[in-house]
N, C-alpha and C. Protein backbone atom coordinates (compact mmCIF):
# COMPACT_ATOMS: atom_id res chain seq x y z
N UNK A 1 0.74 -1.05 0.45
CA UNK A 1 0.06 -0.10 -0.29
C UNK A 1 0.94 0.93 -0.02
N UNK A 2 1.94 1.49 0.81
CA UNK A 2 3.03 2.36 0.99
C UNK A 2 3.45 3.06 -0.12
N UNK A 3 3.72 1.46 -1.13
CA UNK A 3 4.32 2.56 -2.87
C UNK A 3 3.29 2.73 -3.25
N UNK A 4 2.33 2.33 -3.50
CA UNK A 4 0.69 2.99 -3.99
C UNK A 4 0.29 4.49 -3.87
N UNK A 5 0.83 4.56 -2.20
CA UNK A 5 0.36 5.89 -1.58
C UNK A 5 1.75 6.72 -2.29
N UNK A 6 2.93 6.44 -2.51
CA UNK A 6 4.01 7.40 -3.36
C UNK A 6 3.55 7.19 -4.91
N UNK A 7 3.16 6.54 -4.87
CA UNK A 7 2.73 6.72 -6.94
C UNK A 7 1.60 8.00 -7.05
N UNK A 8 0.84 7.48 -5.82
CA UNK A 8 -0.30 8.79 -6.10
C UNK A 8 0.14 9.93 -6.24
N UNK A 9 1.36 10.47 -4.99
CA UNK A 9 1.76 11.53 -4.94
C UNK A 9 2.50 12.04 -5.67
N UNK A 10 3.26 10.90 -6.88
CA UNK A 10 4.33 11.25 -7.74
C UNK A 10 3.21 11.85 -8.75
N UNK A 11 1.81 11.46 -8.69
CA UNK A 11 1.10 11.06 -10.12
C UNK A 11 -0.19 12.19 -9.73
N UNK A 12 0.21 13.37 -8.73
CA UNK A 12 -1.10 14.55 -7.96
C UNK A 12 -1.43 15.07 -9.17
N UNK A 13 -0.80 15.29 -10.06
CA UNK A 13 -1.70 16.31 -11.26
C UNK A 13 -2.80 15.45 -11.67
N UNK A 14 -2.11 14.42 -12.33
CA UNK A 14 -3.35 13.94 -12.86
C UNK A 14 -4.75 13.29 -11.98
N UNK A 15 -4.33 13.00 -10.98
CA UNK A 15 -5.36 12.65 -9.92
C UNK A 15 -6.01 13.51 -9.62
N UNK A 16 -5.72 15.31 -9.52
CA UNK A 16 -6.34 15.77 -8.88
C UNK A 16 -7.34 16.46 -10.41
N UNK A 17 -6.93 16.32 -11.41
CA UNK A 17 -7.75 16.96 -12.82
C UNK A 17 -8.42 15.04 -12.49
N UNK A 18 -8.55 13.92 -12.86
CA UNK A 18 -9.38 13.02 -12.66
C UNK A 18 -10.39 13.35 -11.34
N UNK A 19 -9.95 14.01 -9.87
CA UNK A 19 -10.91 13.92 -9.11
C UNK A 19 -11.62 15.38 -9.34
N UNK A 20 -11.42 16.43 -10.01
CA UNK A 20 -12.25 17.45 -10.98
C UNK A 20 -13.23 17.22 -11.43
N UNK A 21 -12.95 15.90 -12.63
CA UNK A 21 -14.08 15.42 -13.90
C UNK A 21 -15.08 14.58 -12.60
N UNK A 22 -14.46 13.74 -11.92
CA UNK A 22 -15.43 12.70 -10.84
C UNK A 22 -16.64 13.58 -10.38
N UNK A 23 -15.78 14.94 -9.74
CA UNK A 23 -16.59 15.67 -8.92
C UNK A 23 -18.03 16.28 -9.60
N UNK A 24 -17.38 16.94 -10.96
CA UNK A 24 -18.42 17.57 -11.51
C UNK A 24 -19.61 16.53 -11.98
N UNK A 25 -18.78 15.25 -11.97
CA UNK A 25 -20.19 14.50 -12.46
C UNK A 25 -21.03 13.94 -11.86
N UNK A 26 -20.35 13.92 -10.53
CA UNK A 26 -21.53 13.62 -9.15
C UNK A 26 -22.31 14.76 -8.73
N UNK A 27 -21.67 15.97 -9.30
CA UNK A 27 -22.68 16.90 -9.24
C UNK A 27 -23.81 16.96 -9.91
N UNK A 28 -23.40 16.88 -11.13
CA UNK A 28 -24.32 16.81 -12.34
C UNK A 28 -25.40 15.73 -12.12
N UNK A 29 -24.93 14.46 -11.66
CA UNK A 29 -26.07 13.57 -11.19
C UNK A 29 -26.84 13.52 -9.71
N UNK A 30 -26.82 14.90 -8.99
CA UNK A 30 -27.26 15.39 -7.95
C UNK A 30 -28.55 15.06 -8.16
N UNK A 31 -29.25 15.09 -8.89
CA UNK A 31 -30.95 14.65 -9.21
C UNK A 31 -30.97 13.90 -9.04
N UNK A 32 -30.73 12.89 -9.48
CA UNK A 32 -30.74 11.49 -9.53
C UNK A 32 -30.33 10.87 -8.36
N UNK A 33 -29.15 11.27 -7.65
CA UNK A 33 -28.70 10.60 -6.29
C UNK A 33 -29.70 11.05 -5.61
N UNK A 34 -30.39 12.43 -5.50
CA UNK A 34 -31.48 12.63 -4.55
C UNK A 34 -32.84 11.96 -4.63
N UNK A 35 -33.16 11.52 -5.86
CA UNK A 35 -34.01 10.71 -6.50
C UNK A 35 -34.27 9.03 -5.50
N UNK A 36 -32.80 8.76 -5.52
CA UNK A 36 -32.36 7.82 -5.26
C UNK A 36 -32.79 7.12 -3.53
N UNK A 37 -32.01 8.78 -3.16
CA UNK A 37 -31.82 9.16 -1.41
C UNK A 37 -30.30 8.77 -1.05
N UNK A 38 -29.72 10.01 -0.18
CA UNK A 38 -28.20 9.37 -0.04
C UNK A 38 -28.40 8.92 0.83
N UNK A 39 -29.14 8.42 1.73
CA UNK A 39 -29.05 7.30 2.55
C UNK A 39 -29.27 6.08 2.17
N UNK A 40 -29.79 5.93 1.12
CA UNK A 40 -29.73 4.58 0.68
C UNK A 40 -28.57 4.34 -0.26
N UNK A 41 -28.00 5.53 -0.81
CA UNK A 41 -26.46 5.43 -1.78
C UNK A 41 -25.50 5.32 -0.50
N UNK A 42 -25.70 5.78 0.81
CA UNK A 42 -24.24 5.54 1.52
C UNK A 42 -23.59 4.41 1.86
N UNK A 43 -24.23 3.45 2.05
CA UNK A 43 -23.04 1.99 2.39
C UNK A 43 -22.56 1.86 1.49
N UNK A 44 -23.44 1.37 -0.29
CA UNK A 44 -22.57 1.32 -1.27
C UNK A 44 -21.84 2.18 -2.11
N UNK A 45 -22.06 3.35 -1.66
CA UNK A 45 -20.85 4.50 -2.22
C UNK A 45 -19.61 4.56 -1.27
N UNK A 46 -20.05 4.47 0.22
CA UNK A 46 -18.59 4.53 0.67
C UNK A 46 -17.90 3.00 0.51
N UNK A 47 -18.51 1.63 -0.02
CA UNK A 47 -17.77 0.78 -0.19
C UNK A 47 -16.80 0.88 -1.06
N UNK A 48 -17.38 1.75 -2.04
CA UNK A 48 -16.72 1.56 -3.31
C UNK A 48 -15.57 2.54 -2.78
N UNK A 49 -15.77 3.72 -2.30
CA UNK A 49 -15.03 4.70 -2.03
C UNK A 49 -13.82 4.32 -0.95
N UNK A 50 -14.18 3.28 -0.15
CA UNK A 50 -12.93 3.15 0.59
C UNK A 50 -12.10 1.81 -0.32
N UNK A 51 -12.57 1.44 -1.37
CA UNK A 51 -11.98 0.20 -1.97
C UNK A 51 -10.75 1.22 -2.61
N UNK A 52 -11.68 2.36 -3.56
CA UNK A 52 -10.95 2.97 -4.26
C UNK A 52 -9.48 3.80 -3.56
N UNK A 53 -9.70 4.52 -2.52
CA UNK A 53 -8.87 5.69 -1.93
C UNK A 53 -8.50 4.90 -1.08
N UNK A 54 -8.91 3.38 -0.61
CA UNK A 54 -7.93 2.98 0.01
C UNK A 54 -6.68 1.80 -0.95
N UNK A 55 -6.90 2.07 -1.97
CA UNK A 55 -5.78 1.18 -2.54
C UNK A 55 -5.17 2.63 -3.13
N UNK A 56 -5.49 3.57 -3.84
CA UNK A 56 -4.59 4.59 -3.63
C UNK A 56 -4.12 5.91 -3.12
N UNK A 57 -4.97 5.70 -2.03
CA UNK A 57 -4.05 6.74 -1.08
C UNK A 57 -4.21 6.11 0.57
N UNK A 58 -4.05 4.88 0.85
CA UNK A 58 -4.30 3.99 2.10
C UNK A 58 -5.47 5.17 3.04
N UNK A 59 -6.55 5.76 2.42
CA UNK A 59 -7.70 6.19 3.08
C UNK A 59 -7.90 5.43 4.32
N UNK A 60 -8.35 6.54 5.11
CA UNK A 60 -9.21 6.07 6.16
C UNK A 60 -10.18 6.09 6.87
N UNK A 61 -11.09 6.92 5.62
CA UNK A 61 -12.24 7.06 5.49
C UNK A 61 -13.10 7.63 6.73
N UNK A 62 -12.06 9.00 6.67
CA UNK A 62 -12.57 9.88 7.47
C UNK A 62 -13.53 10.77 7.28
N UNK A 63 -14.08 10.57 6.46
CA UNK A 63 -15.78 10.98 5.85
C UNK A 63 -15.35 12.64 5.81
N UNK A 64 -14.46 13.37 5.73
CA UNK A 64 -13.93 14.64 5.23
C UNK A 64 -12.94 14.80 4.23
N UNK A 65 -12.91 14.03 3.08
CA UNK A 65 -11.72 14.08 2.29
C UNK A 65 -11.14 15.55 2.01
N UNK A 66 -9.42 15.93 2.22
CA UNK A 66 -9.21 17.06 1.73
C UNK A 66 -7.77 17.01 0.72
N UNK A 67 -7.78 15.48 -0.02
CA UNK A 67 -6.81 15.28 -0.56
C UNK A 67 -6.17 16.24 -1.78
N UNK A 68 -7.60 16.91 -2.26
CA UNK A 68 -7.45 17.88 -3.44
C UNK A 68 -6.60 19.49 -2.93
N UNK A 69 -6.45 19.42 -1.25
CA UNK A 69 -5.80 20.16 -0.74
C UNK A 69 -4.58 19.62 0.03
N UNK A 70 -4.28 18.55 -0.43
CA UNK A 70 -2.83 18.06 0.43
C UNK A 70 -2.24 17.14 -0.59
N UNK A 71 -2.01 17.90 -1.63
CA UNK A 71 -0.96 17.28 -2.90
C UNK A 71 -1.25 15.54 -3.15
N UNK A 72 -2.92 15.25 -2.90
CA UNK A 72 -2.75 13.57 -2.87
C UNK A 72 -2.45 12.73 -2.02
N UNK A 73 -2.13 13.39 -0.77
CA UNK A 73 -1.37 12.56 0.10
C UNK A 73 -2.58 12.61 1.76
N UNK A 74 -2.84 11.73 2.14
CA UNK A 74 -3.73 11.39 2.84
C UNK A 74 -3.15 12.19 4.62
N UNK A 75 -3.40 13.45 4.94
CA UNK A 75 -3.01 13.77 6.18
C UNK A 75 -3.40 12.61 7.66
N UNK A 76 -4.75 11.69 7.23
CA UNK A 76 -4.95 11.07 8.10
C UNK A 76 -4.26 9.56 8.38
N UNK A 77 -3.11 9.35 7.49
CA UNK A 77 -2.00 8.41 7.45
C UNK A 77 -1.05 9.05 8.26
N UNK A 78 -1.09 10.53 8.69
CA UNK A 78 -0.27 10.81 9.87
C UNK A 78 -0.20 10.15 11.16
N UNK A 79 0.45 9.34 11.97
CA UNK A 79 0.56 8.78 13.07
C UNK A 79 -0.43 9.53 14.17
N UNK A 80 -0.06 10.91 13.79
CA UNK A 80 -0.54 12.06 14.90
C UNK A 80 -1.76 12.65 14.44
N UNK A 81 -2.48 12.05 13.09
CA UNK A 81 -3.49 12.71 12.34
C UNK A 81 -3.39 14.00 12.40
N UNK A 82 -2.34 14.55 11.82
CA UNK A 82 -2.31 16.13 12.01
C UNK A 82 -2.67 16.71 10.73
N UNK A 83 -3.84 17.60 10.67
CA UNK A 83 -4.50 17.95 9.26
C UNK A 83 -4.31 19.35 8.97
N UNK A 84 -2.85 19.89 9.29
CA UNK A 84 -2.95 21.31 9.29
C UNK A 84 -0.70 21.17 8.81
N UNK A 85 -0.38 20.25 8.55
CA UNK A 85 1.40 20.27 8.66
C UNK A 85 1.67 20.14 9.66
N UNK A 86 3.23 19.24 9.34
CA UNK A 86 4.16 18.69 10.11
C UNK A 86 3.94 19.11 11.67
N UNK A 87 4.43 18.01 12.20
CA UNK A 87 4.94 18.34 13.77
C UNK A 87 6.06 18.79 13.52
N UNK A 88 6.83 19.00 15.14
CA UNK A 88 7.84 19.26 14.94
C UNK A 88 8.99 17.89 14.80
N UNK A 89 8.13 16.99 14.93
CA UNK A 89 9.01 15.54 15.04
C UNK A 89 9.51 14.77 13.83
N UNK A 90 9.53 15.95 12.69
CA UNK A 90 10.00 15.22 11.13
C UNK A 90 11.97 14.78 11.53
N UNK A 91 11.92 13.93 10.78
CA UNK A 91 13.77 14.19 11.10
C UNK A 91 14.49 14.41 10.24
N UNK A 92 15.45 14.60 10.34
CA UNK A 92 16.53 15.04 9.42
C UNK A 92 16.05 14.34 7.76
N UNK A 93 16.27 13.41 7.78
CA UNK A 93 16.28 12.73 6.50
C UNK A 93 14.62 12.52 6.00
N UNK A 94 13.61 13.20 6.17
CA UNK A 94 12.06 13.47 6.25
C UNK A 94 11.53 12.61 6.65
N UNK A 95 11.76 11.55 7.31
CA UNK A 95 10.91 10.34 7.76
C UNK A 95 10.14 10.65 8.92
N UNK A 96 9.16 10.30 9.19
CA UNK A 96 8.28 10.30 10.94
C UNK A 96 9.03 10.06 11.49
N UNK A 97 8.63 10.57 12.67
CA UNK A 97 9.58 10.42 14.31
C UNK A 97 8.69 8.97 14.82
N UNK A 98 7.54 8.96 14.60
CA UNK A 98 6.70 7.68 15.43
C UNK A 98 7.01 6.45 14.30
N UNK A 99 6.84 6.54 12.89
CA UNK A 99 7.49 5.18 12.17
C UNK A 99 8.34 5.57 11.23
N UNK A 100 9.53 5.46 11.61
CA UNK A 100 10.90 5.84 10.92
C UNK A 100 11.10 4.87 9.23
N UNK A 101 10.43 4.36 8.99
CA UNK A 101 10.22 3.44 8.02
C UNK A 101 8.99 4.68 6.55
N UNK A 102 8.41 5.58 7.31
CA UNK A 102 7.59 6.10 6.07
C UNK A 102 7.83 7.59 6.43
N UNK A 103 8.22 8.45 5.12
CA UNK A 103 8.18 9.59 4.75
C UNK A 103 7.17 10.06 5.53
N UNK A 104 7.64 11.53 6.15
CA UNK A 104 6.23 12.29 6.28
C UNK A 104 5.48 12.42 5.84
N UNK A 105 4.24 12.23 6.08
CA UNK A 105 3.29 12.76 5.10
C UNK A 105 2.68 14.16 4.57
N UNK A 106 3.45 15.05 5.33
CA UNK A 106 3.57 16.29 4.69
C UNK A 106 4.42 16.63 4.23
N UNK A 107 5.35 15.94 4.20
CA UNK A 107 6.57 16.06 3.07
C UNK A 107 5.74 15.78 1.68
N UNK A 108 5.39 15.01 2.15
CA UNK A 108 4.50 14.20 0.62
C UNK A 108 3.89 14.76 0.15
N UNK A 109 2.92 15.56 0.94
CA UNK A 109 1.96 16.60 0.59
C UNK A 109 2.28 17.63 -0.33
N UNK A 110 3.46 18.09 0.23
CA UNK A 110 4.26 19.46 -0.28
C UNK A 110 5.03 19.11 -1.49
N UNK A 111 5.22 17.74 -1.37
CA UNK A 111 5.72 17.21 -2.81
C UNK A 111 4.26 17.45 -3.94
N UNK A 112 3.42 16.48 -3.62
CA UNK A 112 2.48 16.37 -4.68
C UNK A 112 1.72 17.80 -4.50
N UNK A 113 1.62 18.62 -3.79
CA UNK A 113 0.99 19.88 -4.34
C UNK A 113 2.10 21.03 -5.01
N UNK A 114 3.11 20.73 -4.64
CA UNK A 114 3.95 21.21 -6.12
C UNK A 114 3.63 20.99 -7.60
N UNK A 115 2.79 19.73 -7.68
CA UNK A 115 2.41 18.89 -9.23
C UNK A 115 1.36 19.50 -9.71
N UNK A 116 0.57 19.86 -8.39
CA UNK A 116 -0.94 20.49 -9.26
C UNK A 116 -0.97 21.67 -9.06
N UNK A 117 -1.25 22.43 -10.49
CA UNK A 117 -1.40 23.72 -10.42
C UNK A 117 -2.27 24.45 -9.53
N UNK A 118 -1.85 25.60 -8.29
CA UNK A 118 -2.73 26.06 -7.51
C UNK A 118 -2.21 25.04 -6.26
N UNK A 119 -1.97 24.08 -6.39
CA UNK A 119 -1.80 22.98 -5.16
C UNK A 119 -0.99 23.58 -3.89
N UNK A 120 0.20 24.67 -4.02
CA UNK A 120 0.60 25.40 -2.95
C UNK A 120 -0.32 26.29 -1.92
N UNK A 121 -1.01 26.55 -2.80
CA UNK A 121 -2.36 27.32 -2.57
C UNK A 121 -3.08 26.86 -1.63
N UNK A 122 -3.78 25.95 -2.06
CA UNK A 122 -4.51 24.89 -1.28
C UNK A 122 -4.16 24.59 0.22
N UNK A 123 -2.46 23.92 -0.23
CA UNK A 123 -1.90 23.24 1.25
C UNK A 123 -2.21 24.52 2.04
N UNK A 124 -1.71 25.49 2.19
CA UNK A 124 -1.63 26.70 3.09
C UNK A 124 -3.34 27.10 3.55
N UNK A 125 -4.28 26.30 3.02
CA UNK A 125 -6.02 26.80 3.93
C UNK A 125 -5.80 25.85 4.97
N UNK A 126 -6.30 26.17 6.23
CA UNK A 126 -6.29 26.02 7.27
C UNK A 126 -7.23 24.80 6.93
N UNK A 127 -7.26 23.20 7.69
CA UNK A 127 -8.48 22.53 7.24
C UNK A 127 -9.19 22.26 8.80
N UNK A 128 -10.56 21.96 8.85
CA UNK A 128 -11.35 22.13 10.03
C UNK A 128 -10.58 20.89 10.78
N UNK A 129 -10.83 20.73 11.79
CA UNK A 129 -10.43 19.55 12.57
C UNK A 129 -11.78 18.42 12.08
N UNK A 130 -10.70 17.16 12.44
CA UNK A 130 -11.61 16.25 12.06
C UNK A 130 -13.07 15.90 12.84
N UNK A 131 -14.44 15.61 12.35
CA UNK A 131 -15.42 15.70 12.60
C UNK A 131 -15.37 13.89 12.71
N UNK A 132 -15.45 13.08 14.06
CA UNK A 132 -15.03 11.59 14.18
C UNK A 132 -16.83 11.01 14.26
N UNK A 133 -17.48 11.95 14.01
CA UNK A 133 -19.01 11.41 13.51
C UNK A 133 -19.34 11.09 12.16
N UNK A 134 -18.51 11.39 11.28
CA UNK A 134 -18.36 11.38 9.88
C UNK A 134 -17.57 10.19 9.51
N UNK A 135 -16.47 9.30 10.42
CA UNK A 135 -15.83 8.50 9.91
C UNK A 135 -16.87 7.09 9.35
N UNK A 136 -16.04 6.67 8.20
CA UNK A 136 -16.80 5.28 7.60
C UNK A 136 -17.54 6.25 6.55
N UNK A 137 -17.84 7.48 6.23
CA UNK A 137 -19.50 8.18 5.67
C UNK A 137 -18.43 7.97 4.55
N UNK A 138 -19.33 8.27 3.30
CA UNK A 138 -18.78 8.82 1.92
C UNK A 138 -18.67 10.11 1.85
N UNK A 139 -17.33 10.57 1.67
CA UNK A 139 -17.00 12.07 1.57
C UNK A 139 -17.90 12.62 0.03
N UNK A 140 -17.63 11.87 -0.54
CA UNK A 140 -18.01 11.80 -2.22
C UNK A 140 -19.52 12.32 -2.19
N UNK A 141 -20.21 11.41 -1.34
CA UNK A 141 -21.73 12.28 -1.40
C UNK A 141 -21.82 13.58 -0.41
N UNK A 142 -21.10 13.77 0.91
CA UNK A 142 -21.23 14.62 1.63
C UNK A 142 -20.95 16.25 0.38
N UNK A 143 -19.74 15.55 0.11
CA UNK A 143 -19.08 16.69 -1.49
C UNK A 143 -20.66 17.32 -2.19
N UNK A 144 -21.11 16.23 -1.85
CA UNK A 144 -22.29 16.64 -3.91
C UNK A 144 -23.34 17.53 -2.66
N UNK A 145 -23.40 16.81 -1.66
CA UNK A 145 -25.00 17.34 -1.16
C UNK A 145 -24.43 18.78 -0.58
N UNK A 146 -22.69 19.16 -0.26
CA UNK A 146 -22.76 20.85 0.30
C UNK A 146 -22.47 21.49 -0.87
N UNK A 147 -21.97 20.82 -2.51
CA UNK A 147 -21.82 21.81 -3.56
C UNK A 147 -23.49 22.09 -4.12
N UNK A 148 -24.27 20.90 -3.83
CA UNK A 148 -25.88 21.48 -3.94
C UNK A 148 -26.44 22.24 -3.57
N UNK A 149 -26.42 22.17 -2.51
CA UNK A 149 -27.00 22.80 -1.28
C UNK A 149 -26.76 24.52 -1.46
N UNK A 150 -25.11 24.96 -2.00
CA UNK A 150 -24.82 25.72 -1.59
C UNK A 150 -25.13 26.63 -3.28
N UNK A 151 -25.23 25.89 -4.15
CA UNK A 151 -25.68 26.47 -5.09
C UNK A 151 -27.05 27.47 -5.32
N UNK A 152 -27.02 28.23 -5.72
CA UNK A 152 -28.62 29.10 -5.60
C UNK A 152 -29.34 28.53 -6.81
N UNK A 153 -30.54 27.94 -6.15
CA UNK A 153 -31.31 27.78 -7.10
C UNK A 153 -32.09 28.82 -7.95
N UNK A 154 -32.64 28.57 -9.10
CA UNK A 154 -33.54 30.05 -9.73
C UNK A 154 -34.96 29.48 -9.25
N UNK A 155 -35.71 31.14 -8.65
CA UNK A 155 -37.00 30.45 -8.29
C UNK A 155 -37.86 30.71 -9.63
N UNK A 156 -39.24 29.94 -9.23
CA UNK A 156 -39.84 29.94 -9.95
C UNK A 156 -40.69 31.39 -9.88
N UNK A 157 -41.45 31.62 -11.55
CA UNK A 157 -41.88 32.90 -11.53
C UNK A 157 -43.53 32.81 -11.17
């Protein structure tokens, strides 16, 4: 898994593009998803998301995915679950103080962010603390709901 995670960071630009297209597709499908019912779709979509993101990013299914803001390096892989940058314990060789066999998740995040247009600006955004109530839930569905609920709707004449 770790080698695939490193591959994902090296290919952050392409994965970020794919994620953008995928998100736009899901937003376009929002009326269908809403008609089927978000509750009904939650378990099967979360299972697919767990499989795909688990393989590519070693996803921990926090339910609040920030991959596009962290250079395609999941901050939940940090043994300390830091979501806003590295701790003070990064070793001189760039490896984690807790797991000496793993490069610091945040050094990887900056490597990935440099490959994505605007990635360095996005990585500097402060991420909200993890809401543990969302663990195991689909961040894809949550993102669709956020995007469609925030989109102003034309009012009927």
